[in-house]
Protein backbone atom coordinates (compact mmCIF):
# COMPACT_ATOMS: atom_id res chain seq x y z
CA MET A 1 138.77 152.60 -10.15
CA ILE A 2 134.97 152.34 -9.63
CA SER A 3 133.44 151.08 -12.85
CA LEU A 4 129.99 150.38 -14.08
CA GLU A 5 129.13 147.07 -15.95
CA GLN A 6 126.04 145.33 -17.07
CA THR A 7 125.77 142.11 -14.94
CA SER A 8 123.44 139.25 -15.24
CA TYR A 9 122.93 136.71 -12.46
CA TYR A 10 120.60 134.07 -11.18
CA PHE A 11 119.79 134.44 -7.53
CA TYR A 12 116.26 134.38 -8.65
CA SER A 13 114.31 132.03 -10.72
CA PHE A 14 114.75 134.45 -13.64
CA PRO A 15 117.70 136.34 -14.85
CA VAL A 16 118.13 139.88 -13.47
CA THR A 17 120.10 142.46 -15.32
CA ILE A 18 120.97 145.76 -13.65
CA GLU A 19 123.70 148.33 -13.68
CA VAL A 20 125.94 147.56 -10.51
CA THR A 21 128.83 149.41 -9.24
CA VAL A 22 131.79 147.06 -8.88
CA PHE A 23 134.31 147.70 -6.07
CA LEU A 24 137.56 145.92 -6.28
CA GLU A 25 138.84 144.32 -2.97
CA LYS A 26 142.36 145.33 -3.50
CA GLY A 27 143.43 148.75 -4.54
CA GLU A 28 140.12 150.22 -4.76
CA ILE A 29 139.94 154.03 -3.95
CA MET A 30 136.42 154.91 -2.86
CA ARG A 31 135.07 158.12 -4.19
CA GLU A 32 135.54 160.84 -1.57
CA ILE A 33 132.59 163.13 -0.40
CA GLU A 34 133.06 166.26 1.44
CA ILE A 35 130.74 166.47 4.35
CA THR A 36 130.03 169.44 6.74
CA GLY A 37 131.76 170.09 10.14
CA SER A 38 128.60 169.32 12.04
CA ALA A 39 128.15 166.08 10.11
CA ALA A 40 131.77 165.16 10.85
CA SER A 41 131.26 165.80 14.48
CA LYS A 42 128.02 163.73 14.41
CA PHE A 43 129.49 160.61 12.76
CA GLU A 44 132.63 160.66 14.71
CA GLY A 45 130.40 160.65 17.78
CA GLY A 46 128.85 157.45 16.70
CA TYR A 47 125.52 158.63 14.74
CA PRO A 48 125.16 156.06 11.94
CA GLN A 49 122.70 157.62 9.26
CA ILE A 50 123.50 160.12 6.73
CA SER A 51 121.18 162.89 5.61
CA LEU A 52 121.33 165.00 2.55
CA LYS A 53 122.19 168.10 4.45
CA ASP A 54 125.31 166.31 5.71
CA LEU A 55 126.80 166.70 2.29
CA VAL A 56 128.62 169.92 1.16
CA ASN A 57 127.51 169.20 -2.49
CA GLU A 58 124.20 167.53 -2.56
CA ASP A 59 124.97 166.42 -6.16
CA ASP A 60 127.34 163.97 -4.53
CA PHE A 61 124.49 161.76 -3.61
CA THR A 62 123.68 158.46 -5.50
CA ASN A 63 121.07 155.97 -4.68
CA ASN A 64 122.73 152.91 -5.88
CA GLY A 65 124.58 151.65 -2.72
CA GLU A 66 127.87 153.13 -3.66
CA PHE A 67 130.54 152.72 -0.99
CA VAL A 68 132.03 156.18 -0.25
CA ALA A 69 134.67 157.76 2.00
CA LEU A 70 133.24 160.72 3.99
CA MET A 71 135.91 163.46 4.31
CA LYS A 72 136.25 166.76 6.16
CA GLY A 73 139.09 168.97 4.89
CA GLY A 74 141.13 166.11 3.83
CA HIS A 75 140.45 164.13 7.01
CA PHE A 76 138.85 160.64 6.86
CA VAL A 77 135.80 160.55 8.84
CA ALA A 78 133.90 157.31 7.83
CA SER A 79 133.28 154.86 4.99
CA ALA A 80 129.61 154.65 4.27
CA TYR A 81 127.20 153.44 1.53
CA LEU A 82 124.56 155.66 -0.24
CA ALA A 83 120.96 154.88 -0.47
CA LYS A 84 117.73 156.53 0.26
CA GLU A 85 115.87 155.07 3.30
CA GLY A 86 113.24 157.15 5.04
CA ASN A 87 114.67 160.53 5.76
CA GLY A 88 118.21 159.44 5.18
CA ILE A 89 120.40 158.92 2.22
CA GLY A 90 122.85 156.35 3.54
CA TRP A 91 124.51 154.40 6.44
CA ILE A 92 127.90 154.42 7.93
CA LEU A 93 129.93 151.32 7.47
CA SER A 94 133.10 151.74 9.40
CA ARG A 95 135.12 154.61 11.11
CA LYS A 96 138.41 152.86 10.40
CA GLU A 97 140.31 154.38 7.66
CA ASN A 98 141.99 151.17 6.75
CA GLN A 99 139.00 148.96 6.74
CA THR A 100 138.39 147.20 3.41
CA ILE A 101 134.50 146.87 2.60
CA ASN A 102 134.33 143.48 1.17
CA ASP A 103 132.71 140.16 1.65
CA ASN A 104 134.85 139.49 4.72
CA PHE A 105 133.70 142.81 6.37
CA PHE A 106 130.04 141.66 6.01
CA SER A 107 130.65 138.10 6.87
CA HIS A 108 131.96 139.11 10.15
CA LEU A 109 128.85 141.34 10.96
CA PHE A 110 126.44 138.49 10.30
CA SER A 111 128.65 135.90 12.01
CA ALA A 112 128.62 138.15 15.21
CA ALA A 113 125.02 138.83 15.04
CA PHE A 114 124.12 135.18 14.50
CA ASN A 115 126.26 133.86 17.50
CA LYS A 116 124.31 136.40 19.76
CA ARG A 117 121.14 134.45 18.86
CA LYS A 118 122.51 131.06 19.92
CA ALA A 119 120.86 131.40 23.18
CA LEU A 120 117.49 131.50 21.48
CA GLN A 121 118.04 128.08 19.67
CA GLY A 122 116.15 125.29 21.17
CA LEU A 123 113.59 127.42 23.37
CA SER A 124 109.85 127.40 23.07
CA SER A 125 110.08 129.06 19.62
CA SER A 126 112.39 128.26 16.70
CA THR A 127 111.41 131.52 15.25
CA TYR A 128 113.45 134.75 15.84
CA ARG A 129 115.17 137.70 14.12
CA LEU A 130 118.82 136.90 13.19
CA PHE A 131 119.91 140.36 12.14
CA ASN A 132 118.20 143.64 13.06
CA GLY A 133 119.73 146.28 10.60
CA GLN A 134 121.62 149.04 12.32
CA GLY A 135 121.02 147.43 15.77
CA ASP A 136 123.44 144.82 14.60
CA GLY A 137 125.72 147.19 12.69
CA LEU A 138 124.33 147.38 9.13
CA GLY A 139 121.35 149.57 8.49
CA GLY A 140 119.07 148.69 5.60
CA ILE A 141 118.64 144.92 6.02
CA THR A 142 117.02 142.55 8.43
CA VAL A 143 117.09 138.73 8.46
CA ASP A 144 114.39 136.52 10.07
CA ASN A 145 114.37 132.82 10.78
CA TYR A 146 111.12 131.00 10.72
CA ASP A 147 112.07 127.51 11.84
CA GLY A 148 114.59 127.16 9.07
CA GLU A 149 112.87 129.36 6.43
CA ILE A 150 115.08 132.45 6.25
CA VAL A 151 113.68 135.73 5.07
CA ILE A 152 116.05 138.67 3.96
CA SER A 153 114.37 142.07 3.95
CA TRP A 154 116.08 144.79 1.85
CA GLU A 155 115.02 148.15 3.36
CA ASN A 156 116.82 150.20 0.63
CA GLU A 157 117.96 149.93 -2.97
CA GLY A 158 121.50 150.04 -1.93
CA THR A 159 121.75 146.81 0.11
CA TYR A 160 119.59 145.21 -2.53
CA ASN A 161 122.16 146.21 -5.15
CA HIS A 162 124.78 144.61 -3.18
CA ARG A 163 123.04 141.29 -2.73
CA ARG A 164 125.58 139.20 -4.57
CA MET A 165 127.98 140.06 -1.74
CA LEU A 166 125.64 140.06 1.15
CA VAL A 167 123.54 136.86 0.54
CA PRO A 168 126.62 134.57 0.43
CA ALA A 169 127.84 136.27 3.57
CA ILE A 170 124.48 135.49 5.32
CA VAL A 171 124.10 131.96 3.96
CA ASP A 172 127.75 130.86 4.78
CA ASN A 173 127.17 131.95 8.51
CA LEU A 174 123.98 130.01 8.94
CA ASP A 175 124.26 126.80 10.80
CA SER A 176 121.41 125.34 8.84
CA TYR A 177 118.54 126.30 6.83
CA ASN A 178 115.68 124.96 4.60
CA ASN A 179 115.16 127.72 2.17
CA VAL A 180 116.18 131.22 1.87
CA TYR A 181 113.87 134.07 0.59
CA ASP A 182 113.88 137.80 0.04
CA VAL A 183 111.64 140.74 -0.14
CA LYS A 184 112.23 144.37 -1.25
CA HIS A 185 110.53 146.41 1.37
CA PHE A 186 111.57 149.71 -0.53
CA GLU A 187 109.17 148.82 -3.41
CA ASN A 188 105.57 149.08 -2.72
CA GLY A 189 103.70 145.81 -3.24
CA SER A 190 106.94 143.62 -3.44
CA THR A 191 106.42 139.91 -2.34
CA ILE A 192 108.47 137.45 -0.74
CA ARG A 193 110.53 135.47 -3.27
CA PRO A 194 112.67 132.33 -2.92
CA ILE A 195 116.37 132.92 -4.01
CA ASN A 196 117.34 130.45 -6.63
CA GLY A 197 120.02 127.95 -5.57
CA ILE A 198 119.32 128.39 -1.88
CA ALA A 199 115.63 127.66 -1.83
CA PRO A 200 115.41 123.94 -2.98
CA ASN A 201 111.97 123.50 -1.80
CA PRO A 202 110.23 126.88 -1.23
CA GLN A 203 107.04 127.10 0.69
CA GLU A 204 103.97 129.31 0.55
CA PHE A 205 103.20 128.59 4.14
CA LYS A 206 105.34 127.35 7.17
CA THR A 207 103.67 126.40 10.37
CA ILE A 208 105.77 127.46 13.47
CA VAL A 209 104.85 126.85 17.06
CA GLU A 210 105.23 129.75 19.60
CA ASP A 211 104.36 129.09 23.34
CA GLY A 212 102.03 126.41 22.34
CA THR A 213 100.11 128.59 19.67
CA VAL A 214 100.30 127.62 15.91
CA TYR A 215 100.98 130.47 13.41
CA PRO A 216 101.06 129.80 9.67
CA ILE A 217 103.86 131.91 8.30
CA HIS A 218 103.21 133.27 4.76
CA LEU A 219 106.24 133.06 2.57
CA ASP A 220 106.33 132.53 -1.31
CA GLY A 221 104.25 135.21 -3.06
CA ALA A 222 103.08 136.86 0.12
CA THR A 223 103.65 140.64 0.91
CA LYS A 224 103.75 140.00 4.62
CA THR A 225 104.48 136.84 6.72
CA GLY A 226 101.57 137.29 9.01
CA LEU A 227 103.28 137.42 12.33
CA ASP A 228 105.75 140.29 13.64
CA LEU A 229 108.22 138.60 15.84
CA ILE A 230 108.72 141.70 18.12
CA TYR A 231 105.34 141.17 19.93
CA ARG A 232 106.45 137.87 21.25
CA ASP A 233 106.68 138.88 24.94
CA VAL A 234 103.14 140.54 24.77
CA ARG A 235 101.72 137.47 23.13
CA LYS A 236 102.90 135.44 25.97
CA GLN A 237 101.19 137.65 28.71
CA VAL A 238 98.02 137.96 26.50
CA LYS A 239 97.73 134.13 26.57
CA LYS A 240 98.49 133.66 30.25
CA ASN A 241 95.67 136.16 31.09
CA ALA A 242 92.88 135.38 28.73
CA GLN A 243 91.20 132.51 30.26
CA TYR A 244 87.40 132.79 30.60
CA LYS A 245 87.44 136.36 29.38
CA LEU A 246 85.65 138.32 26.62
CA VAL A 247 88.49 139.77 24.50
CA LEU A 248 88.57 142.69 22.22
CA ASN A 249 91.57 142.85 19.69
CA LEU A 250 91.83 146.05 17.70
CA LEU A 251 94.16 146.49 14.94
CA PHE A 252 95.48 143.05 15.43
CA ASP A 253 97.17 142.54 11.99
CA GLN A 254 100.58 140.77 12.33
CA THR A 255 100.44 140.81 16.02
CA GLY A 256 99.22 137.18 16.91
CA PHE A 257 97.25 138.50 19.75
CA VAL A 258 93.96 137.01 18.59
CA SER A 259 95.27 133.36 18.39
CA ALA A 260 97.29 133.82 21.62
CA ALA A 261 94.05 134.82 23.45
CA ILE A 262 91.92 132.08 22.17
CA THR A 263 94.58 129.41 22.89
CA GLY A 264 94.73 130.96 26.32
CA GLY A 265 91.15 130.13 26.98
CA SER A 266 89.11 133.12 26.14
CA THR A 267 85.49 132.52 25.83
CA GLU A 268 84.75 134.91 23.00
CA THR A 269 86.75 137.40 20.91
CA GLU A 270 85.83 140.49 19.01
CA ASP A 271 88.60 141.20 16.46
CA VAL A 272 88.62 144.37 14.42
CA ASP A 273 91.03 145.57 11.77
CA GLN A 274 90.70 147.86 8.84
CA SER A 275 92.66 145.58 6.55
CA LYS A 276 90.72 142.81 4.66
CA ARG A 277 93.87 140.77 4.32
CA ALA A 278 94.26 140.62 8.22
CA LYS A 279 90.83 138.91 8.31
CA SER A 280 91.84 136.22 5.79
CA ASP A 281 95.00 135.74 7.54
CA LEU A 282 93.38 135.35 10.77
CA VAL A 283 91.00 132.71 9.45
CA GLY A 284 94.14 130.82 8.39
CA GLU A 285 95.38 130.96 12.20
CA PHE A 286 91.99 129.56 13.33
CA VAL A 287 92.29 126.54 11.06
CA ALA A 288 95.78 125.85 12.20
CA ASN A 289 94.75 125.91 15.88
CA ASN A 290 91.55 123.96 15.35
CA ILE A 291 89.69 127.09 16.58
CA ALA A 292 85.77 126.92 16.25
CA THR A 293 84.58 130.26 14.71
CA ASP A 294 81.25 130.50 16.43
CA SER A 295 82.94 132.29 19.42
CA GLN A 296 84.82 134.59 17.34
CA THR A 297 83.55 137.83 15.62
CA VAL A 298 86.04 139.18 13.04
CA ARG A 299 85.29 142.46 11.50
CA SER A 300 86.87 144.46 8.60
CA MET A 301 86.02 148.03 9.33
CA ASP A 302 86.94 151.41 10.29
CA LEU A 303 88.21 151.42 13.90
CA ARG A 304 86.52 154.66 14.86
CA GLY A 305 83.30 153.45 13.31
CA PHE A 306 83.56 150.19 15.49
CA LEU A 307 84.15 152.18 18.68
CA ASP A 308 80.91 154.08 17.94
CA TYR A 309 79.18 151.00 17.26
CA ALA A 310 80.39 149.15 20.40
CA ASN A 311 79.51 152.16 22.73
CA LYS A 312 76.03 152.45 21.16
CA HIS A 313 75.47 148.68 21.76
CA ASN A 314 77.08 148.84 25.19
CA LEU A 315 79.81 146.32 24.42
CA ARG A 316 82.27 145.57 27.24
CA PHE A 317 85.25 143.40 27.42
CA ASP A 318 87.55 141.78 30.17
CA LEU A 319 90.73 141.96 27.97
CA ILE A 320 91.75 144.56 25.31
CA THR A 321 94.61 144.56 22.83
CA ILE A 322 95.38 147.34 20.65
CA ASN A 323 98.23 147.75 18.28
CA LEU A 324 98.68 151.53 17.34
CA PRO A 325 100.12 152.73 13.94
CA THR A 326 101.91 156.16 13.58
CA PHE A 327 99.05 157.36 11.22
CA MET A 328 95.77 155.80 10.13
CA ARG A 329 93.11 156.97 7.80
CA SER A 330 89.53 156.85 8.98
CA LYS A 331 86.21 157.92 7.72
CA LYS A 332 85.51 159.61 11.13
CA GLY A 333 88.70 161.40 11.29
CA ASN A 334 92.41 160.40 10.64
CA PHE A 335 94.62 159.26 13.61
CA ASN A 336 98.08 160.64 14.21
CA ILE A 337 99.82 158.95 17.34
CA ARG A 338 101.21 162.20 18.68
CA LYS A 339 98.07 164.26 18.44
CA ASP A 340 95.28 161.62 18.84
CA LEU A 341 96.70 159.03 21.17
CA THR A 342 94.80 160.14 24.27
CA SER A 343 91.60 160.87 22.65
CA LEU A 344 91.42 157.44 20.67
CA LEU A 345 92.31 155.47 23.68
CA THR A 346 89.79 157.12 25.85
CA GLN A 347 87.17 155.80 23.63
CA VAL A 348 88.88 152.38 23.92
CA PHE A 349 89.05 152.31 27.65
CA THR A 350 85.25 153.06 27.94
CA LEU A 351 84.80 149.49 26.58
CA ALA A 352 86.70 147.84 29.43
CA ASN A 353 84.98 146.15 32.26
CA LYS A 354 86.19 146.64 35.88
CA GLU A 355 89.38 144.76 36.49
CA ALA A 356 90.02 144.35 32.78
CA ASP A 357 93.47 143.76 31.40
CA VAL A 358 94.46 146.21 28.68
CA PHE A 359 97.53 145.81 26.35
CA VAL A 360 98.51 148.93 24.27
CA ALA A 361 101.42 148.50 21.87
CA THR A 362 103.07 150.50 19.06
CA GLN A 363 106.20 150.41 16.74
CA SER A 364 106.00 154.12 16.12
CA ASN A 365 109.19 156.19 15.95
CA SER A 366 107.12 159.39 16.34
CA ILE A 367 106.39 158.99 19.97
CA ASN A 368 108.87 158.09 22.90
CA LEU A 369 108.00 155.86 25.80
CA ARG A 370 107.47 158.75 28.17
CA ASP A 371 104.97 160.47 25.88
CA PHE A 372 103.26 157.10 25.10
CA ARG A 373 102.96 156.23 28.64
CA SER A 374 101.74 159.72 29.50
CA GLY A 375 99.13 159.64 26.80
CA VAL A 376 97.83 156.24 27.95
CA GLN A 377 97.62 157.46 31.55
CA LYS A 378 95.56 160.54 30.56
CA ALA A 379 93.15 158.34 28.56
CA LEU A 380 92.61 156.09 31.61
CA MET A 381 91.95 159.14 33.74
CA ASN A 382 89.48 160.40 31.19
CA SER A 383 87.49 157.23 31.17
CA LYS A 384 87.57 157.36 35.09
CA HIS A 385 89.43 154.07 35.43
CA LYS A 386 91.68 153.30 38.41
CA TYR A 387 94.65 151.30 37.27
CA SER A 388 98.06 149.79 37.94
CA GLU A 389 100.76 149.18 35.34
CA LYS A 390 101.62 145.54 35.43
CA GLU A 391 104.43 145.61 32.85
CA GLY A 392 106.22 147.76 30.45
CA PHE A 393 107.53 145.63 27.39
CA LYS A 394 110.93 146.19 25.89
CA ALA A 395 112.09 144.85 22.57
CA PRO A 396 113.06 141.24 22.78
CA ALA A 397 116.83 140.35 22.83
CA ASP A 398 116.81 139.55 19.17
CA PHE A 399 115.83 143.19 18.31
CA PRO A 400 118.73 145.27 19.49
CA PHE A 401 118.87 148.87 18.56
CA ASP A 402 121.77 151.43 18.21
CA ARG A 403 121.48 153.93 21.03
CA GLU A 404 123.65 156.46 18.97
CA TYR A 405 120.91 156.29 16.37
CA THR A 406 117.81 156.20 18.50
CA LYS A 407 117.68 156.50 22.28
CA GLN A 408 114.90 154.01 22.48
CA SER A 409 113.58 151.08 20.48
CA PRO A 410 110.54 152.00 18.47
CA PHE A 411 108.60 149.16 19.99
CA LYS A 412 106.74 150.06 23.04
CA ALA A 413 104.08 148.28 24.92
CA LEU A 414 102.15 148.52 28.35
CA TRP A 415 100.09 146.12 30.19
CA LEU A 416 97.63 147.93 32.44
CA LYS A 417 95.33 146.31 35.09
CA LEU A 418 92.13 148.20 35.72
CA GLN A 419 90.76 148.32 39.29
CA LYS A 420 87.38 148.50 40.86
């Protein structure tokens, strides 16, 4: 039987008391939920995320991580857990009717994912993603390794409510670690916190080295680490191609592009982001890399406002990076990547010198690679630049994705070489 109990435990530095659904490993009968015929076909075909319209009775939805059996006319379709995340209300766990959902089930998932990352150990970076949510078989959770500092990100309330089962399954499969932290991404303003008992010496900062560049990783008490690992391959090419160049970095927050360019030998950088925190984080990177600030101009300002300013003052650059969001508010007109990609990039490309290198990146799910590339190409034509595409970047191997869920990784990046 499914029961509810008040449970206190001490994964954190203070006791947490919440209402938890307890699922017995033996003899447990999951609550059965009737789904529509189209939903049954979808899940049997491999699609992993549940939406509210998939349920015959929408009142069957709970947001606490409850494990349920999805049924169609008495026929078992899949086991799942329920929790709101984005446009979905839960994730498929298994399509095997006799599969017990317990600590052994999750331990196997984490073990398989961690073993796939063995090849990354001992390379130029000791920092990589250990578990990438649905790409590794369990939506709603990611795990990152920052040279022994392990950060677990809960993407919904459901996985968070099962942390007493999930955290030991993660830790038991780690070869080694220094400290383990977690952060609740489903809560606005949530900060990274050390997990009591498995964070003996929690750090506010951890210095890591990637391709010879130093990055201070923000941990205990931070809302973001300061470095998004998925841009690793782009950073490498930015660094290789920045020597003796004037560099413009737009919306650089979390990308690491600025420090990559400077340590790659750029003569000057102009760095613009709308986030004030991005500026303070960047100053920390300068200190970590012993970078003199007199050749770097860092601006916290509206992007469209800067583009107008740069054109007015005839600023031109030899290398440009820009990391585009799905949506961005601006005093001079909001940006939507599906509607405004070409118009914004047309303004950006007018700032490029002849033979400049331009790196355009995004993690938006709202645009596919074909439309992204088309929008970039139209902007280049609008700005009357001849060009060649040097490289199209894919998500690194430690960021797998489920092709039944999304045909492409949300990460997309292009390297364009302008011509005379």
